[in-house]
Amino acid sequence: MQTGFQSLYYAGICDQDGRNWKATQPVEYLSRSGVLYRIPVGAATDGASIPAIFWAKLPPFGRYWLAAVLHDAAYQNTLQLADGLKAFPHATDRPLCDLLLKEAMEASGVGPVSVDVIYEAVRLCGAGSFKQDRS
């Protein structure tokens, strides 16, 4: 298997209200380290949480969108480790969540400038979201 998402982009993600989405089937991501992560059915996301003032350059649903879904599942502590047909809960700390976002964006072909901007923004400003998602 090749690093990256193991299914089609947006496969298994269902629109709830035009901004919030839920996974309707598992979505798997194979990391560079060989770990297979699974976004489980029911995982919630709002796409990339980019402030509206920046949407002209970085809309919430760009090429990085599925990486944002992975990141949301990691922040919300719903991300799983996949082993064949089985999946196991997998708690990740914030730095790993953010690094997974960066790696998944790179694997999805997101340009390096966008990767750096989004990753640094999350790394510098994501603490509040991480705490809120974990509470």
N, C-alpha and C. Protein backbone atom coordinates (compact mmCIF):
# COMPACT_ATOMS: atom_id res chain seq x y z
N MET A 1 0.84 -1.18 0.00
CA MET A 1 0.00 0.00 0.00
C MET A 1 0.89 1.24 0.00
N GLN A 2 0.38 2.28 -0.62
CA GLN A 2 1.12 3.54 -0.72
C GLN A 2 0.65 4.51 0.37
N THR A 3 1.60 5.30 0.87
CA THR A 3 1.27 6.31 1.88
C THR A 3 0.15 7.20 1.37
N GLY A 4 -0.76 7.56 2.26
CA GLY A 4 -1.85 8.47 1.92
C GLY A 4 -3.20 7.85 2.23
N PHE A 5 -4.24 8.51 1.78
CA PHE A 5 -5.59 8.02 2.01
C PHE A 5 -5.84 6.82 1.12
N GLN A 6 -6.45 5.81 1.69
CA GLN A 6 -6.63 4.54 1.01
C GLN A 6 -7.98 4.43 0.31
N SER A 7 -8.72 5.50 0.24
CA SER A 7 -10.00 5.53 -0.47
C SER A 7 -10.08 6.84 -1.24
N LEU A 8 -11.08 6.96 -2.07
CA LEU A 8 -11.27 8.18 -2.84
C LEU A 8 -11.51 9.37 -1.92
N TYR A 9 -11.03 10.55 -2.34
CA TYR A 9 -11.32 11.75 -1.58
C TYR A 9 -12.83 11.90 -1.42
N TYR A 10 -13.22 12.30 -0.24
CA TYR A 10 -14.60 12.59 0.11
C TYR A 10 -15.48 11.35 0.18
N ALA A 11 -14.94 10.17 -0.14
CA ALA A 11 -15.75 8.95 -0.04
C ALA A 11 -16.08 8.72 1.43
N GLY A 12 -17.34 8.49 1.69
CA GLY A 12 -17.74 8.16 3.05
C GLY A 12 -17.96 9.35 3.96
N ILE A 13 -17.95 10.56 3.41
CA ILE A 13 -18.19 11.75 4.23
C ILE A 13 -19.50 12.37 3.77
N CYS A 14 -20.44 12.52 4.68
CA CYS A 14 -21.80 12.96 4.35
C CYS A 14 -22.05 14.36 4.89
N ASP A 15 -22.57 15.23 4.04
CA ASP A 15 -22.90 16.61 4.41
C ASP A 15 -24.08 16.61 5.39
N GLN A 16 -23.89 17.29 6.51
CA GLN A 16 -24.95 17.40 7.51
C GLN A 16 -25.77 18.68 7.34
N ASP A 17 -25.08 19.80 7.06
CA ASP A 17 -25.77 21.08 6.97
C ASP A 17 -25.05 22.09 6.09
N GLY A 18 -24.17 21.64 5.23
CA GLY A 18 -23.41 22.53 4.37
C GLY A 18 -22.07 22.93 4.95
N ARG A 19 -21.83 22.70 6.22
CA ARG A 19 -20.55 23.05 6.84
C ARG A 19 -20.04 21.93 7.75
N ASN A 20 -20.93 21.14 8.29
CA ASN A 20 -20.56 20.04 9.18
C ASN A 20 -20.82 18.71 8.48
N TRP A 21 -19.90 17.79 8.66
CA TRP A 21 -19.92 16.52 7.94
C TRP A 21 -19.70 15.38 8.91
N LYS A 22 -20.13 14.19 8.50
CA LYS A 22 -19.90 12.97 9.29
C LYS A 22 -19.43 11.87 8.36
N ALA A 23 -18.55 11.02 8.89
CA ALA A 23 -18.09 9.86 8.14
C ALA A 23 -19.20 8.82 8.12
N THR A 24 -19.56 8.34 6.94
CA THR A 24 -20.60 7.31 6.80
C THR A 24 -19.99 5.94 6.55
N GLN A 25 -18.69 5.92 6.32
CA GLN A 25 -17.94 4.67 6.22
C GLN A 25 -16.52 4.98 6.69
N PRO A 26 -15.76 3.99 7.10
CA PRO A 26 -14.40 4.26 7.56
C PRO A 26 -13.55 4.84 6.42
N VAL A 27 -12.71 5.77 6.76
CA VAL A 27 -11.74 6.33 5.83
C VAL A 27 -10.37 6.06 6.43
N GLU A 28 -9.48 5.43 5.65
CA GLU A 28 -8.18 5.03 6.18
C GLU A 28 -7.05 5.85 5.58
N TYR A 29 -6.05 6.08 6.43
CA TYR A 29 -4.86 6.83 6.03
C TYR A 29 -3.63 6.04 6.46
N LEU A 30 -2.74 5.74 5.51
CA LEU A 30 -1.49 5.05 5.82
C LEU A 30 -0.40 6.09 5.96
N SER A 31 0.19 6.15 7.16
CA SER A 31 1.24 7.14 7.43
C SER A 31 2.57 6.68 6.83
N ARG A 32 3.49 7.62 6.75
CA ARG A 32 4.84 7.29 6.26
C ARG A 32 5.52 6.26 7.13
N SER A 33 5.17 6.23 8.40
CA SER A 33 5.78 5.27 9.33
C SER A 33 5.15 3.89 9.24
N GLY A 34 4.15 3.74 8.37
CA GLY A 34 3.51 2.44 8.19
C GLY A 34 2.31 2.19 9.07
N VAL A 35 1.89 3.18 9.85
CA VAL A 35 0.72 3.04 10.72
C VAL A 35 -0.53 3.33 9.89
N LEU A 36 -1.50 2.42 9.97
CA LEU A 36 -2.76 2.61 9.26
C LEU A 36 -3.79 3.17 10.25
N TYR A 37 -4.17 4.42 10.03
CA TYR A 37 -5.17 5.10 10.87
C TYR A 37 -6.53 4.99 10.21
N ARG A 38 -7.56 4.93 11.03
CA ARG A 38 -8.93 4.88 10.51
C ARG A 38 -9.77 5.98 11.13
N ILE A 39 -10.40 6.76 10.27
CA ILE A 39 -11.43 7.71 10.70
C ILE A 39 -12.71 6.88 10.78
N PRO A 40 -13.30 6.73 11.96
CA PRO A 40 -14.44 5.81 12.09
C PRO A 40 -15.75 6.40 11.59
N VAL A 41 -16.69 5.53 11.34
CA VAL A 41 -18.05 5.94 11.02
C VAL A 41 -18.56 6.83 12.15
N GLY A 42 -19.18 7.93 11.80
CA GLY A 42 -19.73 8.86 12.78
C GLY A 42 -18.80 9.98 13.18
N ALA A 43 -17.52 9.90 12.76
CA ALA A 43 -16.59 10.98 13.10
C ALA A 43 -17.09 12.28 12.48
N ALA A 44 -17.05 13.34 13.28
CA ALA A 44 -17.57 14.65 12.85
C ALA A 44 -16.44 15.57 12.42
N THR A 45 -16.73 16.43 11.46
CA THR A 45 -15.75 17.39 10.99
C THR A 45 -16.44 18.63 10.44
N ASP A 46 -15.72 19.74 10.49
CA ASP A 46 -16.19 20.96 9.82
C ASP A 46 -15.19 21.35 8.74
N GLY A 47 -14.38 20.37 8.31
CA GLY A 47 -13.36 20.66 7.31
C GLY A 47 -12.22 21.42 7.96
N ALA A 48 -11.50 22.16 7.17
CA ALA A 48 -10.40 22.95 7.71
C ALA A 48 -10.97 24.17 8.43
N SER A 49 -10.61 24.33 9.68
CA SER A 49 -11.13 25.42 10.51
C SER A 49 -10.34 26.70 10.25
N ILE A 50 -10.49 27.20 9.05
CA ILE A 50 -9.78 28.40 8.63
C ILE A 50 -10.71 29.59 8.79
N PRO A 51 -10.25 30.66 9.47
CA PRO A 51 -11.11 31.84 9.62
C PRO A 51 -11.60 32.37 8.27
N ALA A 52 -12.84 32.80 8.24
CA ALA A 52 -13.49 33.24 6.99
C ALA A 52 -12.71 34.33 6.27
N ILE A 53 -12.00 35.16 6.99
CA ILE A 53 -11.25 36.24 6.36
C ILE A 53 -10.20 35.70 5.37
N PHE A 54 -9.77 34.44 5.55
CA PHE A 54 -8.73 33.85 4.70
C PHE A 54 -9.29 32.92 3.61
N TRP A 55 -10.61 32.75 3.55
CA TRP A 55 -11.21 31.79 2.63
C TRP A 55 -10.92 32.06 1.16
N ALA A 56 -10.66 33.29 0.78
CA ALA A 56 -10.35 33.57 -0.63
C ALA A 56 -9.08 32.82 -1.06
N LYS A 57 -8.14 32.66 -0.15
CA LYS A 57 -6.88 31.96 -0.46
C LYS A 57 -6.89 30.51 0.04
N LEU A 58 -7.54 30.26 1.16
CA LEU A 58 -7.57 28.94 1.77
C LEU A 58 -9.00 28.62 2.24
N PRO A 59 -9.86 28.18 1.32
CA PRO A 59 -11.23 27.84 1.72
C PRO A 59 -11.24 26.60 2.62
N PRO A 60 -12.30 26.40 3.40
CA PRO A 60 -12.33 25.27 4.32
C PRO A 60 -12.34 23.90 3.63
N PHE A 61 -12.65 23.87 2.34
CA PHE A 61 -12.76 22.59 1.63
C PHE A 61 -11.84 22.54 0.42
N GLY A 62 -10.56 22.74 0.63
CA GLY A 62 -9.58 22.64 -0.44
C GLY A 62 -9.04 21.23 -0.56
N ARG A 63 -7.96 21.08 -1.30
CA ARG A 63 -7.31 19.78 -1.51
C ARG A 63 -6.89 19.15 -0.17
N TYR A 64 -6.74 19.97 0.85
CA TYR A 64 -6.31 19.54 2.18
C TYR A 64 -7.47 19.08 3.04
N TRP A 65 -8.67 19.05 2.48
CA TRP A 65 -9.87 18.81 3.26
C TRP A 65 -9.85 17.47 3.98
N LEU A 66 -9.51 16.39 3.31
CA LEU A 66 -9.54 15.09 3.97
C LEU A 66 -8.46 15.00 5.05
N ALA A 67 -7.35 15.70 4.86
CA ALA A 67 -6.33 15.79 5.92
C ALA A 67 -6.93 16.48 7.15
N ALA A 68 -7.78 17.48 6.92
CA ALA A 68 -8.45 18.17 8.03
C ALA A 68 -9.43 17.23 8.74
N VAL A 69 -10.08 16.35 7.99
CA VAL A 69 -10.99 15.36 8.60
C VAL A 69 -10.18 14.43 9.51
N LEU A 70 -9.03 13.97 9.03
CA LEU A 70 -8.14 13.13 9.83
C LEU A 70 -7.72 13.87 11.10
N HIS A 71 -7.34 15.13 10.94
CA HIS A 71 -6.91 15.95 12.07
C HIS A 71 -8.04 16.15 13.08
N ASP A 72 -9.25 16.40 12.59
CA ASP A 72 -10.39 16.55 13.50
C ASP A 72 -10.62 15.27 14.30
N ALA A 73 -10.55 14.11 13.64
CA ALA A 73 -10.73 12.84 14.35
C ALA A 73 -9.63 12.64 15.39
N ALA A 74 -8.42 13.04 15.05
CA ALA A 74 -7.31 12.92 16.01
C ALA A 74 -7.53 13.85 17.20
N TYR A 75 -7.90 15.12 16.94
CA TYR A 75 -8.15 16.06 18.03
C TYR A 75 -9.30 15.58 18.92
N GLN A 76 -10.35 15.03 18.30
CA GLN A 76 -11.53 14.59 19.05
C GLN A 76 -11.33 13.25 19.73
N ASN A 77 -10.15 12.67 19.54
CA ASN A 77 -9.80 11.39 20.14
C ASN A 77 -10.68 10.25 19.65
N THR A 78 -11.12 10.33 18.38
CA THR A 78 -11.90 9.24 17.80
C THR A 78 -11.09 8.46 16.75
N LEU A 79 -9.89 8.92 16.44
CA LEU A 79 -9.04 8.25 15.46
C LEU A 79 -8.69 6.86 15.96
N GLN A 80 -8.67 5.90 15.04
CA GLN A 80 -8.39 4.52 15.41
C GLN A 80 -7.16 4.01 14.68
N LEU A 81 -6.56 2.95 15.23
CA LEU A 81 -5.54 2.19 14.52
C LEU A 81 -6.25 1.03 13.85
N ALA A 82 -5.99 0.82 12.58
CA ALA A 82 -6.64 -0.24 11.82
C ALA A 82 -5.70 -1.43 11.70
N ASP A 83 -6.25 -2.61 11.86
CA ASP A 83 -5.51 -3.85 11.70
C ASP A 83 -6.42 -4.83 10.99
N GLY A 84 -6.34 -4.85 9.68
CA GLY A 84 -7.26 -5.68 8.91
C GLY A 84 -8.67 -5.15 9.06
N LEU A 85 -9.59 -6.01 9.43
CA LEU A 85 -10.98 -5.60 9.60
C LEU A 85 -11.24 -5.00 10.97
N LYS A 86 -10.28 -5.13 11.88
CA LYS A 86 -10.44 -4.62 13.24
C LYS A 86 -9.84 -3.22 13.34
N ALA A 87 -10.38 -2.45 14.26
CA ALA A 87 -9.83 -1.12 14.55
C ALA A 87 -9.85 -0.93 16.06
N PHE A 88 -8.85 -0.23 16.55
CA PHE A 88 -8.69 -0.04 17.98
C PHE A 88 -8.58 1.45 18.28
N PRO A 89 -9.17 1.91 19.39
CA PRO A 89 -9.02 3.32 19.76
C PRO A 89 -7.54 3.68 19.88
N HIS A 90 -7.23 4.89 19.50
CA HIS A 90 -5.83 5.33 19.55
C HIS A 90 -5.77 6.79 19.95
N ALA A 91 -5.35 7.04 21.17
CA ALA A 91 -5.20 8.42 21.64
C ALA A 91 -3.88 8.99 21.12
N THR A 92 -3.94 10.19 20.60
CA THR A 92 -2.74 10.86 20.10
C THR A 92 -2.58 12.17 20.85
N ASP A 93 -1.32 12.55 21.08
CA ASP A 93 -1.10 13.85 21.70
C ASP A 93 -1.20 14.93 20.62
N ARG A 94 -1.25 16.16 21.04
CA ARG A 94 -1.45 17.26 20.10
C ARG A 94 -0.35 17.37 19.06
N PRO A 95 0.93 17.28 19.43
CA PRO A 95 1.96 17.37 18.39
C PRO A 95 1.81 16.30 17.30
N LEU A 96 1.45 15.07 17.69
CA LEU A 96 1.25 14.02 16.68
C LEU A 96 0.05 14.34 15.81
N CYS A 97 -1.03 14.82 16.40
CA CYS A 97 -2.22 15.20 15.62
C CYS A 97 -1.82 16.21 14.54
N ASP A 98 -1.06 17.22 14.95
CA ASP A 98 -0.67 18.28 14.01
C ASP A 98 0.29 17.77 12.95
N LEU A 99 1.21 16.88 13.33
CA LEU A 99 2.12 16.30 12.35
C LEU A 99 1.39 15.41 11.35
N LEU A 100 0.37 14.69 11.82
CA LEU A 100 -0.44 13.89 10.90
C LEU A 100 -1.15 14.77 9.88
N LEU A 101 -1.64 15.91 10.32
CA LEU A 101 -2.26 16.86 9.40
C LEU A 101 -1.27 17.27 8.32
N LYS A 102 -0.08 17.65 8.74
CA LYS A 102 0.95 18.09 7.79
C LYS A 102 1.30 16.98 6.81
N GLU A 103 1.56 15.79 7.33
CA GLU A 103 1.92 14.66 6.47
C GLU A 103 0.80 14.32 5.49
N ALA A 104 -0.44 14.31 5.99
CA ALA A 104 -1.59 13.97 5.13
C ALA A 104 -1.80 15.02 4.05
N MET A 105 -1.56 16.29 4.37
CA MET A 105 -1.65 17.33 3.33
C MET A 105 -0.59 17.10 2.27
N GLU A 106 0.63 16.81 2.68
CA GLU A 106 1.71 16.55 1.72
C GLU A 106 1.38 15.34 0.85
N ALA A 107 0.87 14.26 1.46
CA ALA A 107 0.50 13.06 0.72
C ALA A 107 -0.66 13.30 -0.24
N SER A 108 -1.46 14.32 0.05
CA SER A 108 -2.62 14.66 -0.80
C SER A 108 -2.26 15.63 -1.91
N GLY A 109 -1.00 16.01 -1.99
CA GLY A 109 -0.55 16.89 -3.06
C GLY A 109 -0.80 18.37 -2.82
N VAL A 110 -0.99 18.76 -1.58
CA VAL A 110 -1.18 20.16 -1.25
C VAL A 110 0.18 20.87 -1.43
N GLY A 111 0.16 22.05 -2.00
CA GLY A 111 1.39 22.81 -2.23
C GLY A 111 2.12 23.12 -0.94
N PRO A 112 3.44 23.22 -1.00
CA PRO A 112 4.23 23.42 0.21
C PRO A 112 3.93 24.70 0.97
N VAL A 113 3.57 25.77 0.28
CA VAL A 113 3.25 27.02 0.98
C VAL A 113 1.97 26.84 1.79
N SER A 114 0.95 26.25 1.19
CA SER A 114 -0.31 26.01 1.91
C SER A 114 -0.09 25.06 3.08
N VAL A 115 0.71 24.00 2.87
CA VAL A 115 1.01 23.07 3.96
C VAL A 115 1.64 23.82 5.13
N ASP A 116 2.64 24.63 4.83
CA ASP A 116 3.34 25.34 5.90
C ASP A 116 2.43 26.33 6.63
N VAL A 117 1.63 27.08 5.87
CA VAL A 117 0.74 28.06 6.48
C VAL A 117 -0.29 27.38 7.39
N ILE A 118 -0.94 26.34 6.87
CA ILE A 118 -1.97 25.65 7.65
C ILE A 118 -1.35 24.95 8.86
N TYR A 119 -0.24 24.26 8.66
CA TYR A 119 0.40 23.55 9.76
C TYR A 119 0.85 24.52 10.86
N GLU A 120 1.50 25.59 10.48
CA GLU A 120 1.97 26.55 11.49
C GLU A 120 0.80 27.21 12.22
N ALA A 121 -0.27 27.51 11.50
CA ALA A 121 -1.45 28.11 12.14
C ALA A 121 -2.04 27.16 13.18
N VAL A 122 -2.16 25.89 12.82
CA VAL A 122 -2.70 24.90 13.75
C VAL A 122 -1.74 24.69 14.92
N ARG A 123 -0.46 24.61 14.63
CA ARG A 123 0.53 24.39 15.68
C ARG A 123 0.54 25.54 16.68
N LEU A 124 0.42 26.77 16.16
CA LEU A 124 0.49 27.95 17.03
C LEU A 124 -0.85 28.28 17.70
N CYS A 125 -1.95 27.96 17.05
CA CYS A 125 -3.27 28.43 17.54
C CYS A 125 -4.25 27.31 17.87
N GLY A 126 -3.85 26.05 17.78
CA GLY A 126 -4.80 24.96 17.95
C GLY A 126 -5.01 24.47 19.36
N ALA A 127 -4.31 25.00 20.34
CA ALA A 127 -4.40 24.50 21.71
C ALA A 127 -5.83 24.55 22.25
N GLY A 128 -6.51 25.67 22.00
CA GLY A 128 -7.88 25.81 22.49
C GLY A 128 -8.82 24.78 21.88
N SER A 129 -8.70 24.56 20.59
CA SER A 129 -9.55 23.56 19.92
C SER A 129 -9.24 22.16 20.44
N PHE A 130 -7.97 21.87 20.63
CA PHE A 130 -7.58 20.55 21.15
C PHE A 130 -8.20 20.33 22.52
N LYS A 131 -8.08 21.30 23.41
CA LYS A 131 -8.65 21.17 24.76
C LYS A 131 -10.17 21.02 24.71
N GLN A 132 -10.81 21.82 23.86
CA GLN A 132 -12.26 21.76 23.74
C GLN A 132 -12.70 20.40 23.19
N ASP A 133 -12.00 19.92 22.16
CA ASP A 133 -12.36 18.63 21.57
C ASP A 133 -12.14 17.47 22.52
N ARG A 134 -11.20 17.59 23.43
CA ARG A 134 -10.90 16.51 24.38
C ARG A 134 -11.76 16.57 25.65
N SER A 135 -12.50 17.66 25.83
CA SER A 135 -13.32 17.77 27.06
C SER A 135 -14.72 17.21 26.87
